[in-house]
Protein backbone atom coordinates (compact mmCIF):
# COMPACT_ATOMS: atom_id res chain seq x y z
CA UNK A 1 49.94 168.40 112.17
CA UNK A 2 53.05 166.35 112.94
CA UNK A 3 55.94 166.22 110.49
CA UNK A 4 55.82 163.14 108.30
CA UNK A 5 58.34 161.48 106.06
CA UNK A 6 57.37 159.49 103.01
CA UNK A 7 59.63 157.21 100.97
CA UNK A 8 59.54 156.02 97.42
CA UNK A 9 61.72 153.26 96.02
CA UNK A 10 64.01 155.44 93.95
CA UNK A 11 64.13 157.48 90.81
CA UNK A 12 62.70 156.11 87.59
CA UNK A 13 62.70 157.70 84.17
CA UNK A 14 63.96 161.20 83.43
CA UNK A 15 61.37 163.13 81.45
CA UNK A 16 62.04 166.15 79.24
CA UNK A 17 58.90 167.90 78.02
CA UNK A 18 59.23 170.43 75.22
CA UNK A 19 56.24 172.74 74.76
CA UNK A 20 55.76 175.19 71.88
CA UNK A 21 54.06 178.49 71.15
CA UNK A 22 50.46 178.57 72.37
CA UNK A 23 50.71 175.38 74.45
CA UNK A 24 49.25 175.52 77.94
CA UNK A 25 52.06 175.03 80.46
CA UNK A 26 50.38 173.25 83.39
CA UNK A 27 47.93 171.35 81.22
CA UNK A 28 50.75 170.27 78.86
CA UNK A 29 52.82 168.91 81.74
CA UNK A 30 49.84 167.08 83.27
CA UNK A 31 48.74 165.60 79.92
CA UNK A 32 52.21 164.37 78.97
CA UNK A 33 52.78 162.71 82.36
CA UNK A 34 49.38 161.05 82.11
CA UNK A 35 50.18 159.77 78.60
CA UNK A 36 53.40 158.24 79.96
CA UNK A 37 51.71 156.73 83.02
CA UNK A 38 53.77 158.80 85.47
CA UNK A 39 51.93 159.36 88.76
CA UNK A 40 54.74 160.78 90.93
CA UNK A 41 57.68 162.97 89.97
CA UNK A 42 59.97 165.74 91.13
CA UNK A 43 60.53 168.76 88.93
CA UNK A 44 64.20 169.53 88.39
CA UNK A 45 63.50 172.78 86.59
CA UNK A 46 62.10 174.57 83.59
CA UNK A 47 63.00 177.48 81.35
CA UNK A 48 61.17 179.27 78.60
CA UNK A 49 58.96 182.20 77.75
CA UNK A 50 55.28 182.89 78.32
CA UNK A 51 52.65 185.02 76.63
CA UNK A 52 50.20 184.65 79.53
CA UNK A 53 50.83 183.81 83.19
CA UNK A 54 48.06 182.68 85.52
CA UNK A 55 48.97 182.10 89.16
CA UNK A 56 47.76 182.54 92.72
CA UNK A 57 49.32 183.43 96.04
CA UNK A 58 48.13 183.39 99.64
CA UNK A 59 46.83 186.64 101.11
CA UNK A 60 46.03 185.54 104.67
CA UNK A 61 47.92 184.29 107.71
CA UNK A 62 44.70 182.83 109.14
CA UNK A 63 43.78 179.17 109.60
CA UNK A 64 42.31 178.88 106.11
CA UNK A 65 43.95 179.60 102.79
CA UNK A 66 42.68 182.81 101.22
CA UNK A 67 44.18 183.15 97.76
CA UNK A 68 44.49 185.95 95.24
CA UNK A 69 44.37 184.83 91.59
CA UNK A 70 46.29 186.91 89.04
CA UNK A 71 46.65 186.93 85.28
CA UNK A 72 49.61 188.68 83.63
CA UNK A 73 49.20 189.36 79.92
CA UNK A 74 49.57 192.16 77.40
CA UNK A 75 52.81 193.77 78.62
CA UNK A 76 55.04 191.84 76.22
CA UNK A 77 57.00 188.61 76.69
CA UNK A 78 57.27 186.99 80.12
CA UNK A 79 60.49 185.18 80.97
CA UNK A 80 60.00 181.88 82.80
CA UNK A 81 62.85 182.10 85.31
CA UNK A 82 62.04 179.06 87.41
CA UNK A 83 59.46 176.36 87.93
CA UNK A 84 59.66 174.10 90.96
CA UNK A 85 57.47 171.51 92.59
CA UNK A 86 56.29 167.94 92.43
CA UNK A 87 53.69 165.64 90.98
CA UNK A 88 51.81 163.45 93.45
CA UNK A 89 49.19 160.94 92.31
CA UNK A 90 49.18 162.57 88.86
CA UNK A 91 48.51 166.06 90.24
CA UNK A 92 51.25 168.66 89.59
CA UNK A 93 51.86 171.19 92.39
CA UNK A 94 54.12 173.76 90.75
CA UNK A 95 55.38 177.21 91.74
CA UNK A 96 56.60 179.74 89.23
CA UNK A 97 59.02 182.65 89.17
CA UNK A 98 58.61 184.83 86.09
CA UNK A 99 59.38 188.38 85.01
CA UNK A 100 58.33 190.88 82.38
CA UNK A 101 59.06 194.59 81.95
CA UNK A 102 56.41 195.42 84.58
CA UNK A 103 57.69 193.23 87.42
CA UNK A 104 58.52 189.86 88.93
CA UNK A 105 55.82 187.30 89.71
CA UNK A 106 56.02 184.41 92.17
CA UNK A 107 53.25 182.00 93.07
CA UNK A 108 51.35 178.79 92.46
CA UNK A 109 51.05 178.04 88.73
CA UNK A 110 47.48 177.80 87.47
CA UNK A 111 45.78 176.46 84.35
CA UNK A 112 45.61 178.87 81.44
CA UNK A 113 49.30 179.84 81.44
CA UNK A 114 50.44 179.94 77.80
CA UNK A 115 53.88 179.37 76.27
CA UNK A 116 55.25 182.16 74.05
CA UNK A 117 58.15 180.55 72.15
CA UNK A 118 59.11 177.44 74.11
CA UNK A 119 59.15 175.79 77.50
CA UNK A 120 61.57 173.02 78.45
CA UNK A 121 60.58 171.07 81.57
CA UNK A 122 62.73 168.37 83.18
CA UNK A 123 61.29 165.92 85.71
CA UNK A 124 62.29 162.64 87.33
CA UNK A 125 59.81 159.90 88.10
CA UNK A 126 59.58 158.73 91.73
CA UNK A 127 58.95 155.00 91.87
CA UNK A 128 56.58 153.28 94.33
CA UNK A 129 55.35 156.35 96.17
CA UNK A 130 51.88 155.80 97.61
CA UNK A 131 50.67 159.34 98.38
CA UNK A 132 47.84 161.70 97.59
CA UNK A 133 46.70 165.14 98.72
CA UNK A 134 43.85 165.54 101.21
CA UNK A 135 42.20 168.71 102.53
CA UNK A 136 42.12 169.18 106.28
CA UNK A 137 39.25 170.79 108.22
CA UNK A 138 40.58 174.27 107.31
CA UNK A 139 40.69 173.51 103.60
CA UNK A 140 44.49 173.26 103.46
CA UNK A 141 45.77 170.41 101.29
CA UNK A 142 48.40 168.08 102.78
CA UNK A 143 50.23 164.99 101.56
CA UNK A 144 49.17 161.73 103.16
CA UNK A 145 49.59 158.03 102.44
CA UNK A 146 46.87 156.28 100.50
CA UNK A 147 45.17 153.61 102.56
């Protein structure tokens, strides 16, 4: 697949989402952006603590994506060290770096991740970006312009 560049028309609103104990991290971000009518955004960062982390990571170098799904829970608090990614067509694609007393975890954030005390997420809206994600023949999802 050839490299592609896509352009929006600039940055819109800055969004700060504050989640509390028991809130679902990915679902909370998605719901709040939907409530505000934000379809495209870039994530500047996030900090907080988690009581449950659900994520996946690739396990294959082959042509298709083979993923391992993991749930971290029950070893005490999990520090949310970093969250990065974007939101395209209302769909967040976020990667997480987190740590507890058992280890460090890095991967693609999944639904079911739960906030322990708080999570502060800062995003910026991207205006007039006409993209969505489409799976190719190998099942890998790529950004492409909406027709």
